[in-house]
Amino acid sequence: MRKLMLSAIATVAFAASSYAQTSTDILYYRFLTGSGTNVINFAPGGPKNGTIVSTVTNPWTTGISNNALRGASNQTPVTANAVDTGWMPQLKDDFTVAWFMQQETAPGTTLSYLFSEVGSFRCFTNGVAGKGLYLRAWGGTPADITTATDIQTPALTGWVHIAFVVDWTKSKTATIYINGKVDKVTPITAGANFTGTTNMFVGRHLGATSSTWTYNTDEFRFSNRAASPGEVAAWAAMTPAGDGAYNEAAACGATLGSNNGPPSIGNATYQFALKGSASSPFALSVGFQRGLIAFDLGVLNSAMTGCQWDSSLDLVLGSATDASGNGTVPLPIPNDTSLAGLNLWSQSVVLVNWQGSNGFNSYIN
C-alpha cells in the first residue's frame, strides 16, 4: 500500500509540472556587484537595471549573503541613498513586495521610507507607523496595510525579512510576514488599483533631500502577483524552496505542517505532518490550486464549523494518527527541474472527532 501511495504521489508530482507558475516578478535586486551605480534586476518583467542616486560616500554595504544597499540618515541635514528603478508601477488586484532590512542609521522618530516617488504609494516606519511598518495608498481598501509587530528592534541587531502580500484574486486578504511567519492578516474589500506617473525609487520619498530609508536593504522583490506562503518562507530562509501554513483558523482543531526539510527538488524524504486526535484516520488533499473549491467544513460536520477549506482536490490520500495524535504522509519530490516553481496547496480532515486542518503550502524549487 505504501509503495503504491509513493508511486501515485510521484506520478502526480511529475504531471504537475505543467501547473508551475509563470513568473511575473517586476523587480528583484540582489545588490551583488558592490560597486558603481548600476543595480542588476534579476526579475524578467521589469527594466534590466536600476540606477543608484546617492549623496553618501559609499552606497554599498555588506548584505545578508553578499552586498546590500546602504541605508541613509533621515535626520537634518539629510543624506540620501536610493535606487531609481526605471519602473512606473501599474498595480491591479494582486502584488507582493518583500525585502531584508537591517539598521544602518538610528531612525529616531522621523519618518523613514522604504520606497515611493510615485505619488502617495509608499512604505514607511515611524510617524503613525510607530516602530512597525505602514504600506499606504496602494489603491485598494483599506488604504493602509500595517504590521502588528515592532520591526525596528530586531533590525537593530540583525537582518529581518519582511513581505507584504496582497491577494485580492483568491483570499481577499493582505498578509504581512516577518521572517517567513505570518505577522498579520487584514481582510480587504478592494484589490490593488494604482498607476504611477513617475519611476518608483527604493530608499526614499519626496525627493533626494528628505524622507530617506535608514535601513540597509537586500534581496528586494516586487511582483504583480500574490506570492505563496512557501515562497515567502523560502525567501526568508534564503533557500530555493519553502513551505508554510495559510488559511489558519482556531476552529479547525488539527494542525498540518511538514517534516524533513524544505520541499526541494530531489528531496525524497519530504512529508506532510498532521497533529490531531489520537489514533484517528484522516484524509489529506494535495491540490494545484487554492480558491477553486472553497467552503466551510461545517457542512460536513458541525464540529468543524468555521474551518474554511480552499484547496483543490487533485489528489486525496488516507492515513491515520498514532496514539499521540501524530500522522505523516510522504511526498517524495522527484529530481526533476521541470517542477521548479510549483505550488501545492494541501489540507486535511480528521475523521474521528471531526477536525479540519489549516491549509499548508509547499513551494517546490
Protein backbone atom coordinates (compact mmCIF):
# COMPACT_ATOMS: atom_id res chain seq x y z
CA MET A 1 0.00 0.00 0.00
CA ARG A 2 2.76 2.43 0.95
CA LYS A 3 4.66 1.75 -2.27
CA LEU A 4 1.52 2.40 -4.29
CA MET A 5 0.99 5.66 -2.40
CA LEU A 6 4.54 6.82 -3.07
CA SER A 7 4.22 5.93 -6.73
CA ALA A 8 0.95 7.81 -7.04
CA ILE A 9 2.36 10.93 -5.41
CA ALA A 10 5.48 10.87 -7.57
CA THR A 11 3.37 10.42 -10.71
CA VAL A 12 1.15 13.34 -9.80
CA ALA A 13 4.16 15.49 -8.97
CA PHE A 14 5.66 14.80 -12.39
CA ALA A 15 2.36 15.51 -14.10
CA ALA A 16 2.03 18.74 -12.15
CA SER A 17 4.93 20.38 -13.93
CA SER A 18 2.51 21.99 -16.36
CA TYR A 19 0.98 23.85 -13.42
CA ALA A 20 4.23 25.61 -12.49
CA GLN A 21 3.57 29.33 -12.21
CA THR A 22 4.95 31.68 -14.81
CA SER A 23 6.93 34.41 -13.08
CA THR A 24 5.51 37.90 -13.20
CA ASP A 25 8.18 39.40 -10.98
CA ILE A 26 8.95 43.04 -11.84
CA LEU A 27 11.93 43.84 -9.61
CA TYR A 28 14.46 41.58 -7.92
CA TYR A 29 17.55 43.41 -6.67
CA ARG A 30 20.21 41.17 -5.12
CA PHE A 31 22.75 44.03 -4.93
CA LEU A 32 25.56 41.69 -5.93
CA THR A 33 28.14 43.97 -7.53
CA GLY A 34 29.10 46.07 -4.51
CA SER A 35 30.39 48.95 -6.65
CA GLY A 36 29.27 51.51 -9.19
CA THR A 37 25.72 52.77 -9.62
CA ASN A 38 24.10 50.01 -11.69
CA VAL A 39 21.84 47.56 -9.84
CA ILE A 40 21.09 44.43 -11.84
CA ASN A 41 17.41 43.48 -11.96
CA PHE A 42 17.11 39.67 -11.90
CA ALA A 43 13.35 39.73 -12.48
CA PRO A 44 12.20 39.12 -16.07
CA GLY A 45 9.28 41.55 -16.03
CA GLY A 46 10.97 44.91 -15.39
CA PRO A 47 13.80 47.19 -16.52
CA LYS A 48 17.16 45.46 -16.87
CA ASN A 49 18.97 47.73 -14.42
CA GLY A 50 18.21 50.20 -11.67
CA THR A 51 20.44 53.21 -11.01
CA ILE A 52 21.73 54.32 -7.60
CA VAL A 53 21.16 58.03 -6.92
CA SER A 54 23.17 58.90 -3.83
CA THR A 55 24.75 61.59 -1.68
CA VAL A 56 26.52 59.17 0.69
CA THR A 57 30.22 58.35 0.43
CA ASN A 58 29.65 54.66 -0.27
CA PRO A 59 26.16 53.49 -1.32
CA TRP A 60 27.03 49.82 -0.78
CA THR A 61 27.41 47.74 2.39
CA THR A 62 27.64 44.09 3.45
CA GLY A 63 24.41 42.21 2.78
CA ILE A 64 22.86 39.07 4.17
CA SER A 65 24.59 36.93 1.55
CA ASN A 66 26.78 39.32 -0.43
CA ASN A 67 26.28 43.10 -0.76
CA ALA A 68 23.36 45.41 0.04
CA LEU A 69 22.08 48.94 -0.48
CA ARG A 70 23.26 51.11 2.42
CA GLY A 71 20.68 52.97 4.49
CA ALA A 72 20.97 56.76 4.80
CA SER A 73 20.24 59.29 7.54
CA ASN A 74 16.75 60.75 7.83
CA GLN A 75 17.93 63.45 10.25
CA THR A 76 18.90 67.03 9.36
CA PRO A 77 20.97 67.55 7.25
CA VAL A 78 19.57 64.65 5.28
CA THR A 79 21.66 62.40 3.04
CA ALA A 80 20.00 60.09 0.53
CA ASN A 81 20.80 56.70 -0.99
CA ALA A 82 18.19 55.26 -3.30
CA VAL A 83 17.65 53.22 -6.46
CA ASP A 84 15.80 54.69 -9.41
CA THR A 85 14.09 51.50 -10.60
CA GLY A 86 13.15 52.87 -14.02
CA TRP A 87 9.73 51.32 -13.45
CA MET A 88 6.40 53.17 -13.33
CA PRO A 89 4.20 50.89 -11.23
CA GLN A 90 0.93 49.63 -12.61
CA LEU A 91 -0.79 47.55 -9.95
CA LYS A 92 -4.06 45.73 -10.43
CA ASP A 93 -5.64 43.30 -7.94
CA ASP A 94 -2.58 41.39 -6.55
CA PHE A 95 1.01 42.26 -5.70
CA THR A 96 3.91 41.35 -3.39
CA VAL A 97 6.77 43.40 -2.01
CA ALA A 98 9.49 41.72 0.06
CA TRP A 99 12.98 42.56 1.33
CA PHE A 100 15.59 42.14 4.07
CA MET A 101 16.33 45.12 6.32
CA GLN A 102 18.97 45.92 8.95
CA GLN A 103 19.53 49.23 10.70
CA GLU A 104 22.35 51.36 9.33
CA THR A 105 21.43 54.68 10.98
CA ALA A 106 19.21 55.12 14.04
CA PRO A 107 15.85 56.33 12.68
CA GLY A 108 14.90 58.41 15.72
CA THR A 109 11.24 59.35 15.38
CA THR A 110 11.45 60.97 11.93
CA LEU A 111 9.61 59.24 9.11
CA SER A 112 11.74 56.75 7.18
CA TYR A 113 10.54 55.48 3.77
CA LEU A 114 11.46 52.25 2.03
CA PHE A 115 10.03 53.23 -1.35
CA SER A 116 7.88 55.77 -3.15
CA GLU A 117 8.33 58.77 -5.51
CA VAL A 118 5.18 57.58 -7.29
CA GLY A 119 2.54 59.77 -5.69
CA SER A 120 1.18 58.62 -2.34
CA PHE A 121 2.02 54.92 -2.71
CA ARG A 122 4.70 54.29 -0.09
CA CYS A 123 6.04 52.10 2.71
CA PHE A 124 7.39 53.66 5.90
CA THR A 125 8.20 53.35 9.60
CA ASN A 126 7.87 55.97 12.39
CA GLY A 127 5.11 58.59 12.45
CA VAL A 128 1.74 56.85 12.57
CA ALA A 129 3.52 53.52 11.92
CA GLY A 130 5.41 53.77 15.22
CA LYS A 131 8.08 51.06 15.25
CA GLY A 132 6.11 48.98 12.77
CA LEU A 133 5.53 49.44 9.05
CA TYR A 134 2.73 51.00 7.02
CA LEU A 135 2.03 50.28 3.37
CA ARG A 136 -0.13 53.19 2.23
CA ALA A 137 -2.19 54.32 -0.77
CA TRP A 138 -1.90 51.11 -2.81
CA GLY A 139 -5.29 51.73 -4.42
CA GLY A 140 -7.28 49.12 -2.51
CA THR A 141 -9.31 49.07 0.71
CA PRO A 142 -8.33 49.56 3.49
CA ALA A 143 -5.89 52.21 2.32
CA ASP A 144 -3.28 51.25 4.96
CA ILE A 145 -1.82 47.77 5.50
CA THR A 146 0.04 47.66 8.80
CA THR A 147 2.26 45.31 10.76
CA ALA A 148 1.34 44.14 14.26
CA THR A 149 4.97 43.97 15.36
CA ASP A 150 7.91 46.24 16.18
CA ILE A 151 10.38 45.73 13.31
CA GLN A 152 12.92 48.33 14.44
CA THR A 153 14.24 46.44 17.47
CA PRO A 154 15.18 43.19 15.66
CA ALA A 155 16.55 45.18 12.70
CA LEU A 156 18.92 46.92 15.10
CA THR A 157 20.81 43.68 15.74
CA GLY A 158 20.41 41.68 12.54
CA TRP A 159 18.69 41.16 9.21
CA VAL A 160 14.89 40.92 9.25
CA HIS A 161 12.83 39.68 6.31
CA ILE A 162 9.56 41.47 5.56
CA ALA A 163 6.89 40.60 2.99
CA PHE A 164 3.57 42.26 2.17
CA VAL A 165 1.31 40.01 0.08
CA VAL A 166 -1.93 41.43 -1.32
CA ASP A 167 -4.19 38.65 -2.63
CA TRP A 168 -7.43 40.04 -4.00
CA THR A 169 -7.95 37.36 -6.63
CA LYS A 170 -8.38 34.45 -4.21
CA SER A 171 -8.19 35.04 -0.46
CA LYS A 172 -9.31 38.71 -0.33
CA THR A 173 -6.59 39.37 2.26
CA ALA A 174 -3.37 41.30 2.74
CA THR A 175 -0.87 39.22 4.69
CA ILE A 176 2.31 40.53 6.31
CA TYR A 177 5.14 38.09 7.03
CA ILE A 178 8.11 38.72 9.33
CA ASN A 179 11.00 36.28 8.92
CA GLY A 180 8.75 33.96 6.93
CA LYS A 181 6.00 33.76 9.55
CA VAL A 182 2.58 35.40 9.42
CA ASP A 183 2.54 38.64 11.41
CA LYS A 184 -0.92 39.95 10.49
CA VAL A 185 -3.75 39.14 8.10
CA THR A 186 -6.03 42.00 7.03
CA PRO A 187 -9.29 41.38 5.13
CA ILE A 188 -9.53 43.65 2.08
CA THR A 189 -12.65 44.82 0.24
CA ALA A 190 -10.93 46.01 -2.94
CA GLY A 191 -7.76 44.94 -4.72
CA ALA A 192 -4.80 46.99 -5.83
CA ASN A 193 -5.58 49.73 -8.33
CA PHE A 194 -2.68 52.10 -8.85
CA THR A 195 -0.89 53.62 -11.83
CA GLY A 196 2.29 55.62 -11.26
CA THR A 197 3.29 58.56 -13.42
CA THR A 198 6.97 58.60 -12.37
CA ASN A 199 9.57 55.96 -11.59
CA MET A 200 9.49 54.19 -8.26
CA PHE A 201 12.54 54.72 -6.03
CA VAL A 202 13.73 52.22 -3.43
CA GLY A 203 15.17 54.07 -0.44
CA ARG A 204 13.42 57.45 -0.29
CA HIS A 205 10.24 59.51 -0.63
CA LEU A 206 9.60 63.13 -1.60
CA GLY A 207 12.87 63.80 -3.37
CA ALA A 208 16.57 63.39 -2.77
CA THR A 209 16.85 65.57 0.36
CA SER A 210 14.08 64.27 2.64
CA SER A 211 12.35 61.16 3.99
CA THR A 212 15.08 58.61 3.33
CA TRP A 213 15.34 54.97 4.40
CA THR A 214 17.65 54.41 7.37
CA TYR A 215 17.93 50.64 6.92
CA ASN A 216 20.28 48.61 4.75
CA THR A 217 18.23 46.76 2.12
CA ASP A 218 18.90 43.43 0.46
CA GLU A 219 17.04 40.92 -1.74
CA PHE A 220 14.35 43.45 -2.68
CA ARG A 221 11.46 42.00 -4.69
CA PHE A 222 8.33 43.47 -6.24
CA SER A 223 5.83 41.30 -8.10
CA ASN A 224 2.41 41.90 -9.62
CA ARG A 225 1.14 38.63 -8.16
CA ALA A 226 0.45 37.27 -4.69
CA ALA A 227 3.40 35.16 -3.54
CA SER A 228 2.55 31.93 -1.74
CA PRO A 229 3.44 31.31 1.95
CA GLY A 230 6.02 28.75 0.85
CA GLU A 231 7.71 31.23 -1.44
CA VAL A 232 7.90 33.81 1.34
CA ALA A 233 9.33 31.19 3.72
CA ALA A 234 11.94 30.26 1.12
CA TRP A 235 12.94 33.91 0.60
CA ALA A 236 13.24 34.46 4.36
CA ALA A 237 15.35 31.33 4.81
CA MET A 238 17.48 32.14 1.75
CA THR A 239 16.72 28.70 0.31
CA PRO A 240 15.27 27.81 -3.10
CA ALA A 241 12.18 26.09 -1.66
CA GLY A 242 9.94 26.57 1.35
CA ASP A 243 6.60 25.82 2.92
CA GLY A 244 4.21 27.42 5.36
CA ALA A 245 0.69 27.49 6.73
CA TYR A 246 -2.11 29.51 5.19
CA ASN A 247 -5.84 29.83 5.83
CA GLU A 248 -5.32 29.37 9.57
CA ALA A 249 -8.38 29.29 11.86
CA ALA A 250 -8.69 28.31 15.52
CA ALA A 251 -11.91 26.44 14.69
CA CYS A 252 -10.02 23.86 12.64
CA GLY A 253 -8.55 21.93 15.58
CA ALA A 254 -5.87 19.94 13.73
CA THR A 255 -2.53 21.33 12.52
CA LEU A 256 -0.86 20.49 9.21
CA GLY A 257 2.88 21.03 8.69
CA SER A 258 5.87 19.16 7.27
CA ASN A 259 8.98 17.19 8.21
CA ASN A 260 12.46 16.62 6.78
CA GLY A 261 13.45 19.97 5.38
CA PRO A 262 12.10 22.18 2.60
CA PRO A 263 10.29 20.78 -0.47
CA SER A 264 13.37 20.96 -2.66
CA ILE A 265 13.65 19.12 -5.96
CA GLY A 266 15.12 15.70 -5.19
CA ASN A 267 14.08 15.66 -1.50
CA ALA A 268 12.83 12.06 -1.34
CA THR A 269 12.10 12.27 2.41
CA TYR A 270 9.77 15.29 2.42
CA GLN A 271 6.48 14.53 4.17
CA PHE A 272 3.34 16.16 5.50
CA ALA A 273 2.89 16.07 9.28
CA LEU A 274 -0.54 16.22 10.91
CA LYS A 275 -1.31 16.79 14.60
CA GLY A 276 -4.86 15.89 15.61
CA SER A 277 -6.94 13.42 17.59
CA ALA A 278 -5.14 10.27 18.69
CA SER A 279 -5.49 7.03 16.74
CA SER A 280 -7.73 8.58 14.11
CA PRO A 281 -7.97 8.10 10.34
CA PHE A 282 -7.56 11.26 8.29
CA ALA A 283 -7.80 12.34 4.66
CA LEU A 284 -5.18 14.59 3.10
CA SER A 285 -5.83 16.56 -0.09
CA VAL A 286 -2.97 17.85 -2.25
CA GLY A 287 -4.12 20.47 -4.74
CA PHE A 288 -2.58 22.50 -7.53
CA GLN A 289 -4.83 25.50 -6.81
CA ARG A 290 -6.48 27.28 -3.93
CA GLY A 291 -9.82 29.02 -4.06
CA LEU A 292 -11.17 26.77 -6.82
CA ILE A 293 -13.12 24.83 -4.18
CA ALA A 294 -13.99 26.91 -1.12
CA PHE A 295 -16.46 26.06 1.64
CA ASP A 296 -16.91 25.82 5.40
CA LEU A 297 -16.12 22.31 6.68
CA GLY A 298 -19.13 22.66 8.96
CA VAL A 299 -21.21 21.41 6.02
CA LEU A 300 -19.58 18.00 6.59
CA ASN A 301 -19.85 18.05 10.36
CA SER A 302 -20.88 20.85 12.72
CA ALA A 303 -17.77 20.24 14.86
CA MET A 304 -15.71 21.87 12.08
CA THR A 305 -17.87 24.97 11.62
CA GLY A 306 -15.65 27.98 11.00
CA CYS A 307 -12.82 25.99 9.42
CA GLN A 308 -12.54 27.10 5.80
CA TRP A 309 -11.47 24.69 3.05
CA ASP A 310 -9.95 26.14 -0.12
CA SER A 311 -7.60 23.51 -1.55
CA SER A 312 -8.46 21.85 -4.86
CA LEU A 313 -8.99 18.08 -4.64
CA ASP A 314 -6.43 16.91 -7.21
CA LEU A 315 -5.07 14.06 -5.06
CA VAL A 316 -6.69 12.70 -1.88
CA LEU A 317 -4.75 10.31 0.34
CA GLY A 318 -5.58 8.50 3.56
CA SER A 319 -3.57 7.69 6.68
CA ALA A 320 -4.02 7.67 10.48
CA THR A 321 -2.58 9.37 13.53
CA ASP A 322 -0.77 7.39 16.24
CA ALA A 323 -1.55 7.24 19.96
CA SER A 324 0.00 10.71 20.38
CA GLY A 325 -2.11 12.23 17.60
CA ASN A 326 0.73 12.48 15.06
CA GLY A 327 0.35 11.33 11.47
CA THR A 328 2.52 11.61 8.38
CA VAL A 329 2.05 11.28 4.63
CA PRO A 330 5.18 11.12 2.43
CA LEU A 331 5.60 13.35 -0.60
CA PRO A 332 8.88 12.25 -2.20
CA ILE A 333 9.85 15.01 -4.62
CA PRO A 334 11.48 13.74 -7.82
CA ASN A 335 14.80 15.06 -9.03
CA ASP A 336 13.09 16.82 -11.93
CA THR A 337 13.88 20.51 -12.56
CA SER A 338 10.63 20.94 -14.51
CA LEU A 339 8.89 21.04 -11.11
CA ALA A 340 10.59 24.34 -10.22
CA GLY A 341 8.08 26.96 -9.17
CA LEU A 342 5.26 24.50 -8.46
CA ASN A 343 2.93 25.41 -5.58
CA LEU A 344 0.97 22.68 -3.82
CA TRP A 345 -1.97 23.61 -1.58
CA SER A 346 -2.87 20.95 1.00
CA GLN A 347 -5.44 20.50 3.76
CA SER A 348 -6.62 17.63 5.90
CA VAL A 349 -9.71 16.33 7.70
CA VAL A 350 -9.53 14.06 10.75
CA LEU A 351 -12.41 11.60 10.51
CA VAL A 352 -12.78 10.89 14.24
CA ASN A 353 -13.88 13.83 16.41
CA TRP A 354 -14.08 15.69 13.09
CA GLN A 355 -11.20 18.11 12.96
CA GLY A 356 -10.14 20.15 9.96
CA SER A 357 -6.62 21.50 9.47
CA ASN A 358 -5.10 24.75 8.36
CA GLY A 359 -4.08 24.95 4.74
CA PHE A 360 -0.41 24.19 4.04
CA ASN A 361 1.51 25.46 1.01
CA SER A 362 4.60 23.72 -0.38
CA TYR A 363 6.66 25.75 -2.86
CA ILE A 364 8.88 23.35 -4.80
CA ASN A 365 12.15 24.68 -6.20
